[in-house]
Every structure is written in structure tokens, then in C-alpha cells.
Amino acid sequence: MIHNAYVYDENGKRVKNYSGTSYIGKGVTVKGLGTKTIKGTKYYALKPNHYYVKSSDVTVK
């Protein structure tokens, strides 16, 4: 993560509880499982059809 990143659901709404927190911290490495465009914004899937982070918050390796 480039900086703290909020987690979103399949509708693009922010999630209040993802693994005990509402965001993923800066510097954390997560395994992305593909991409999805929701309302014109690109997201990376953390768990397809459930949890996403905005692509602007992620550095891809």
C-alpha cells in the first residue's frame, strides 16, 4: 500500500470492519486477486465479490 487504504465492498461502499479494522495500513503487502471497475473507478480485489481497494492506493509488483 502506498498509504492507508480504505476497504470497499462490491458496490463501492466503504467497509467498517475488514479483519478488525476499517483500512489497510501503509506498507502492508496484500495479494490481489484481479481487478474490477465499480462506478468508473478501478479496484483491486482482496476477496472477489466481497472486498476491494482502490487501484490508486496500491503499488503493483
PDB file of N, CA and C in Angstrom:
ATOM      1  N   MET A   1       0.835  -1.171   0.000  1.00  0.00           N
ATOM      2  CA  MET A   1       0.000   0.000   0.000  1.00  0.00           C
ATOM      3  C   MET A   1       0.889   1.248   0.000  1.00  0.00           C
ATOM      4  N   ILE A   2       0.488   2.219  -0.786  1.00  0.00           N
ATOM      5  CA  ILE A   2       1.205   3.486  -0.854  1.00  0.00           C
ATOM      6  C   ILE A   2       0.964   4.282   0.423  1.00  0.00           C
ATOM      7  N   HIS A   3      -0.267   4.258   0.897  1.00  0.00           N
ATOM      8  CA  HIS A   3      -0.674   4.916   2.141  1.00  0.00           C
ATOM      9  C   HIS A   3      -1.846   4.135   2.704  1.00  0.00           C
ATOM     10  N   ASN A   4      -2.356   4.523   3.864  1.00  0.00           N
ATOM     11  CA  ASN A   4      -3.504   3.823   4.418  1.00  0.00           C
ATOM     12  C   ASN A   4      -4.614   3.787   3.377  1.00  0.00           C
ATOM     13  N   ALA A   5      -5.236   2.630   3.200  1.00  0.00           N
ATOM     14  CA  ALA A   5      -6.249   2.452   2.165  1.00  0.00           C
ATOM     15  C   ALA A   5      -7.523   1.883   2.763  1.00  0.00           C
ATOM     16  N   TYR A   6      -8.634   2.545   2.495  1.00  0.00           N
ATOM     17  CA  TYR A   6      -9.925   2.021   2.928  1.00  0.00           C
ATOM     18  C   TYR A   6     -10.285   0.800   2.104  1.00  0.00           C
ATOM     19  N   VAL A   7     -11.088  -0.065   2.694  1.00  0.00           N
ATOM     20  CA  VAL A   7     -11.570  -1.266   2.027  1.00  0.00           C
ATOM     21  C   VAL A   7     -13.016  -1.017   1.620  1.00  0.00           C
ATOM     22  N   TYR A   8     -13.382  -1.473   0.422  1.00  0.00           N
ATOM     23  CA  TYR A   8     -14.714  -1.235  -0.135  1.00  0.00           C
ATOM     24  C   TYR A   8     -15.393  -2.553  -0.451  1.00  0.00           C
ATOM     25  N   ASP A   9     -16.733  -2.522  -0.480  1.00  0.00           N
ATOM     26  CA  ASP A   9     -17.489  -3.715  -0.847  1.00  0.00           C
ATOM     27  C   ASP A   9     -17.759  -3.743  -2.345  1.00  0.00           C
ATOM     28  N   GLU A  10     -18.547  -4.708  -2.803  1.00  0.00           N
ATOM     29  CA  GLU A  10     -18.809  -4.884  -4.233  1.00  0.00           C
ATOM     30  C   GLU A  10     -19.607  -3.749  -4.857  1.00  0.00           C
ATOM     31  N   ASN A  11     -20.182  -2.867  -4.022  1.00  0.00           N
ATOM     32  CA  ASN A  11     -20.938  -1.716  -4.520  1.00  0.00           C
ATOM     33  C   ASN A  11     -20.149  -0.417  -4.450  1.00  0.00           C
ATOM     34  N   GLY A  12     -18.895  -0.474  -4.011  1.00  0.00           N
ATOM     35  CA  GLY A  12     -18.072   0.714  -3.883  1.00  0.00           C
ATOM     36  C   GLY A  12     -18.298   1.469  -2.585  1.00  0.00           C
ATOM     37  N   LYS A  13     -18.976   0.856  -1.626  1.00  0.00           N
ATOM     38  CA  LYS A  13     -19.214   1.468  -0.309  1.00  0.00           C
ATOM     39  C   LYS A  13     -18.112   1.043   0.642  1.00  0.00           C
ATOM     40  N   ARG A  14     -17.670   1.986   1.479  1.00  0.00           N
ATOM     41  CA  ARG A  14     -16.606   1.688   2.426  1.00  0.00           C
ATOM     42  C   ARG A  14     -17.070   0.677   3.464  1.00  0.00           C
ATOM     43  N   VAL A  15     -16.191  -0.277   3.784  1.00  0.00           N
ATOM     44  CA  VAL A  15     -16.474  -1.323   4.762  1.00  0.00           C
ATOM     45  C   VAL A  15     -15.987  -0.856   6.125  1.00  0.00           C
ATOM     46  N   LYS A  16     -16.797  -1.079   7.163  1.00  0.00           N
ATOM     47  CA  LYS A  16     -16.421  -0.647   8.518  1.00  0.00           C
ATOM     48  C   LYS A  16     -15.531  -1.648   9.228  1.00  0.00           C
ATOM     49  N   ASN A  17     -15.591  -2.934   8.824  1.00  0.00           N
ATOM     50  CA  ASN A  17     -14.798  -3.942   9.509  1.00  0.00           C
ATOM     51  C   ASN A  17     -14.233  -4.952   8.523  1.00  0.00           C
ATOM     52  N   TYR A  18     -12.945  -4.839   8.234  1.00  0.00           N
ATOM     53  CA  TYR A  18     -12.232  -5.806   7.408  1.00  0.00           C
ATOM     54  C   TYR A  18     -11.060  -6.289   8.239  1.00  0.00           C
ATOM     55  N   SER A  19     -11.113  -7.518   8.671  1.00  0.00           N
ATOM     56  CA  SER A  19     -10.073  -8.105   9.533  1.00  0.00           C
ATOM     57  C   SER A  19      -9.824  -7.260  10.772  1.00  0.00           C
ATOM     58  N   GLY A  20     -10.893  -6.739  11.369  1.00  0.00           N
ATOM     59  CA  GLY A  20     -10.793  -5.996  12.614  1.00  0.00           C
ATOM     60  C   GLY A  20     -10.503  -4.513  12.474  1.00  0.00           C
ATOM     61  N   THR A  21     -10.406  -3.984  11.254  1.00  0.00           N
ATOM     62  CA  THR A  21     -10.120  -2.568  11.061  1.00  0.00           C
ATOM     63  C   THR A  21     -10.897  -2.057   9.846  1.00  0.00           C
ATOM     64  N   SER A  22     -10.925  -0.746   9.671  1.00  0.00           N
ATOM     65  CA  SER A  22     -11.655  -0.176   8.532  1.00  0.00           C
ATOM     66  C   SER A  22     -10.731   0.155   7.370  1.00  0.00           C
ATOM     67  N   TYR A  23      -9.415  -0.042   7.565  1.00  0.00           N
ATOM     68  CA  TYR A  23      -8.463   0.265   6.498  1.00  0.00           C
ATOM     69  C   TYR A  23      -7.259  -0.677   6.580  1.00  0.00           C
ATOM     70  N   ILE A  24      -6.458  -0.658   5.516  1.00  0.00           N
ATOM     71  CA  ILE A  24      -5.209  -1.413   5.481  1.00  0.00           C
ATOM     72  C   ILE A  24      -4.081  -0.396   5.561  1.00  0.00           C
ATOM     73  N   GLY A  25      -3.135  -0.619   6.433  1.00  0.00           N
ATOM     74  CA  GLY A  25      -2.078   0.342   6.699  1.00  0.00           C
ATOM     75  C   GLY A  25      -1.041   0.469   5.600  1.00  0.00           C
ATOM     76  N   LYS A  26      -0.348   1.596   5.630  1.00  0.00           N
ATOM     77  CA  LYS A  26       0.727   1.881   4.684  1.00  0.00           C
ATOM     78  C   LYS A  26       1.817   0.823   4.810  1.00  0.00           C
ATOM     79  N   GLY A  27       2.334   0.386   3.669  1.00  0.00           N
ATOM     80  CA  GLY A  27       3.425  -0.569   3.655  1.00  0.00           C
ATOM     81  C   GLY A  27       3.021  -2.026   3.761  1.00  0.00           C
ATOM     82  N   VAL A  28       1.753  -2.292   3.967  1.00  0.00           N
ATOM     83  CA  VAL A  28       1.275  -3.668   4.083  1.00  0.00           C
ATOM     84  C   VAL A  28       1.211  -4.297   2.695  1.00  0.00           C
ATOM     85  N   THR A  29       1.636  -5.527   2.587  1.00  0.00           N
ATOM     86  CA  THR A  29       1.577  -6.258   1.323  1.00  0.00           C
ATOM     87  C   THR A  29       0.358  -7.168   1.346  1.00  0.00           C
ATOM     88  N   VAL A  30      -0.448  -7.082   0.310  1.00  0.00           N
ATOM     89  CA  VAL A  30      -1.621  -7.944   0.191  1.00  0.00           C
ATOM     90  C   VAL A  30      -1.584  -8.638  -1.161  1.00  0.00           C
ATOM     91  N   LYS A  31      -2.261  -9.755  -1.253  1.00  0.00           N
ATOM     92  CA  LYS A  31      -2.326 -10.495  -2.510  1.00  0.00           C
ATOM     93  C   LYS A  31      -3.598 -10.073  -3.244  1.00  0.00           C
ATOM     94  N   GLY A  32      -3.422  -9.423  -4.377  1.00  0.00           N
ATOM     95  CA  GLY A  32      -4.557  -9.007  -5.183  1.00  0.00           C
ATOM     96  C   GLY A  32      -5.056 -10.160  -6.032  1.00  0.00           C
ATOM     97  N   LEU A  33      -6.360 -10.223  -6.201  1.00  0.00           N
ATOM     98  CA  LEU A  33      -6.959 -11.328  -6.943  1.00  0.00           C
ATOM     99  C   LEU A  33      -7.721 -10.823  -8.161  1.00  0.00           C
ATOM    100  N   GLY A  34      -7.126  -9.886  -8.871  1.00  0.00           N
ATOM    101  CA  GLY A  34      -7.768  -9.367 -10.065  1.00  0.00           C
ATOM    102  C   GLY A  34      -8.262  -7.941  -9.873  1.00  0.00           C
ATOM    103  N   THR A  35      -8.871  -7.397 -10.916  1.00  0.00           N
ATOM    104  CA  THR A  35      -9.374  -6.033 -10.875  1.00  0.00           C
ATOM    105  C   THR A  35     -10.856  -6.009 -11.215  1.00  0.00           C
ATOM    106  N   LYS A  36     -11.504  -4.926 -10.830  1.00  0.00           N
ATOM    107  CA  LYS A  36     -12.910  -4.716 -11.139  1.00  0.00           C
ATOM    108  C   LYS A  36     -13.155  -3.222 -11.200  1.00  0.00           C
ATOM    109  N   THR A  37     -13.976  -2.787 -12.136  1.00  0.00           N
ATOM    110  CA  THR A  37     -14.359  -1.392 -12.220  1.00  0.00           C
ATOM    111  C   THR A  37     -15.755  -1.244 -11.617  1.00  0.00           C
ATOM    112  N   ILE A  38     -15.856  -0.372 -10.609  1.00  0.00           N
ATOM    113  CA  ILE A  38     -17.122  -0.101  -9.945  1.00  0.00           C
ATOM    114  C   ILE A  38     -17.398   1.388 -10.082  1.00  0.00           C
ATOM    115  N   LYS A  39     -18.498   1.731 -10.720  1.00  0.00           N
ATOM    116  CA  LYS A  39     -18.899   3.133 -10.911  1.00  0.00           C
ATOM    117  C   LYS A  39     -17.772   3.960 -11.521  1.00  0.00           C
ATOM    118  N   GLY A  40     -17.042   3.372 -12.486  1.00  0.00           N
ATOM    119  CA  GLY A  40     -15.985   4.084 -13.196  1.00  0.00           C
ATOM    120  C   GLY A  40     -14.654   4.157 -12.480  1.00  0.00           C
ATOM    121  N   THR A  41     -14.524   3.536 -11.328  1.00  0.00           N
ATOM    122  CA  THR A  41     -13.276   3.537 -10.562  1.00  0.00           C
ATOM    123  C   THR A  41     -12.706   2.127 -10.544  1.00  0.00           C
ATOM    124  N   LYS A  42     -11.396   2.006 -10.794  1.00  0.00           N
ATOM    125  CA  LYS A  42     -10.741   0.703 -10.817  1.00  0.00           C
ATOM    126  C   LYS A  42     -10.350   0.289  -9.401  1.00  0.00           C
ATOM    127  N   TYR A  43     -10.666  -0.958  -9.052  1.00  0.00           N
ATOM    128  CA  TYR A  43     -10.356  -1.522  -7.745  1.00  0.00           C
ATOM    129  C   TYR A  43      -9.598  -2.827  -7.926  1.00  0.00           C
ATOM    130  N   TYR A  44      -8.765  -3.174  -6.932  1.00  0.00           N
ATOM    131  CA  TYR A  44      -8.129  -4.479  -6.874  1.00  0.00           C
ATOM    132  C   TYR A  44      -8.888  -5.315  -5.858  1.00  0.00           C
ATOM    133  N   ALA A  45      -9.155  -6.561  -6.206  1.00  0.00           N
ATOM    134  CA  ALA A  45      -9.921  -7.450  -5.338  1.00  0.00           C
ATOM    135  C   ALA A  45      -9.030  -8.058  -4.263  1.00  0.00           C
ATOM    136  N   LEU A  46      -9.477  -8.002  -3.033  1.00  0.00           N
ATOM    137  CA  LEU A  46      -8.823  -8.715  -1.936  1.00  0.00           C
ATOM    138  C   LEU A  46      -9.500 -10.064  -1.767  1.00  0.00           C
ATOM    139  N   LYS A  47     -10.805 -10.059  -1.943  1.00  0.00           N
ATOM    140  CA  LYS A  47     -11.619 -11.269  -1.967  1.00  0.00           C
ATOM    141  C   LYS A  47     -12.697 -10.995  -3.009  1.00  0.00           C
ATOM    142  N   PRO A  48     -12.631 -11.613  -4.189  1.00  0.00           N
ATOM    143  CA  PRO A  48     -13.571 -11.301  -5.265  1.00  0.00           C
ATOM    144  C   PRO A  48     -15.030 -11.329  -4.819  1.00  0.00           C
ATOM    145  N   ASN A  49     -15.772 -10.353  -5.291  1.00  0.00           N
ATOM    146  CA  ASN A  49     -17.194 -10.165  -4.981  1.00  0.00           C
ATOM    147  C   ASN A  49     -17.464  -9.793  -3.524  1.00  0.00           C
ATOM    148  N   HIS A  50     -16.418  -9.433  -2.767  1.00  0.00           N
ATOM    149  CA  HIS A  50     -16.624  -9.038  -1.373  1.00  0.00           C
ATOM    150  C   HIS A  50     -15.827  -7.794  -0.989  1.00  0.00           C
ATOM    151  N   TYR A  51     -14.495  -7.833  -1.114  1.00  0.00           N
ATOM    152  CA  TYR A  51     -13.658  -6.740  -0.625  1.00  0.00           C
ATOM    153  C   TYR A  51     -12.692  -6.247  -1.696  1.00  0.00           C
ATOM    154  N   TYR A  52     -12.535  -4.909  -1.756  1.00  0.00           N
ATOM    155  CA  TYR A  52     -11.692  -4.273  -2.770  1.00  0.00           C
ATOM    156  C   TYR A  52     -10.959  -3.083  -2.171  1.00  0.00           C
ATOM    157  N   VAL A  53      -9.845  -2.693  -2.806  1.00  0.00           N
ATOM    158  CA  VAL A  53      -9.156  -1.443  -2.504  1.00  0.00           C
ATOM    159  C   VAL A  53      -8.985  -0.686  -3.819  1.00  0.00           C
ATOM    160  N   LYS A  54      -8.984   0.637  -3.743  1.00  0.00           N
ATOM    161  CA  LYS A  54      -8.838   1.444  -4.950  1.00  0.00           C
ATOM    162  C   LYS A  54      -7.447   1.243  -5.529  1.00  0.00           C
ATOM    163  N   SER A  55      -7.375   1.205  -6.841  1.00  0.00           N
ATOM    164  CA  SER A  55      -6.091   0.979  -7.506  1.00  0.00           C
ATOM    165  C   SER A  55      -5.127   2.135  -7.256  1.00  0.00           C
ATOM    166  N   SER A  56      -5.636   3.340  -6.990  1.00  0.00           N
ATOM    167  CA  SER A  56      -4.774   4.493  -6.735  1.00  0.00           C
ATOM    168  C   SER A  56      -4.041   4.372  -5.396  1.00  0.00           C
ATOM    169  N   ASP A  57      -4.480   3.462  -4.525  1.00  0.00           N
ATOM    170  CA  ASP A  57      -3.861   3.261  -3.210  1.00  0.00           C
ATOM    171  C   ASP A  57      -2.813   2.160  -3.207  1.00  0.00           C
ATOM    172  N   VAL A  58      -2.626   1.504  -4.362  1.00  0.00           N
ATOM    173  CA  VAL A  58      -1.827   0.279  -4.418  1.00  0.00           C
ATOM    174  C   VAL A  58      -0.641   0.450  -5.369  1.00  0.00           C
ATOM    175  N   THR A  59       0.485  -0.109  -4.989  1.00  0.00           N
ATOM    176  CA  THR A  59       1.627  -0.251  -5.882  1.00  0.00           C
ATOM    177  C   THR A  59       1.687  -1.714  -6.278  1.00  0.00           C
ATOM    178  N   VAL A  60       1.676  -1.992  -7.566  1.00  0.00           N
ATOM    179  CA  VAL A  60       1.665  -3.360  -8.047  1.00  0.00           C
ATOM    180  C   VAL A  60       3.090  -3.839  -8.302  1.00  0.00           C
ATOM    181  N   LYS A  61       3.402  -5.034  -7.815  1.00  0.00           N
ATOM    182  CA  LYS A  61       4.735  -5.614  -8.026  1.00  0.00           C
ATOM    183  C   LYS A  61       4.624  -6.791  -8.946  1.00  0.00           C
TER     184      LYS A  61
END
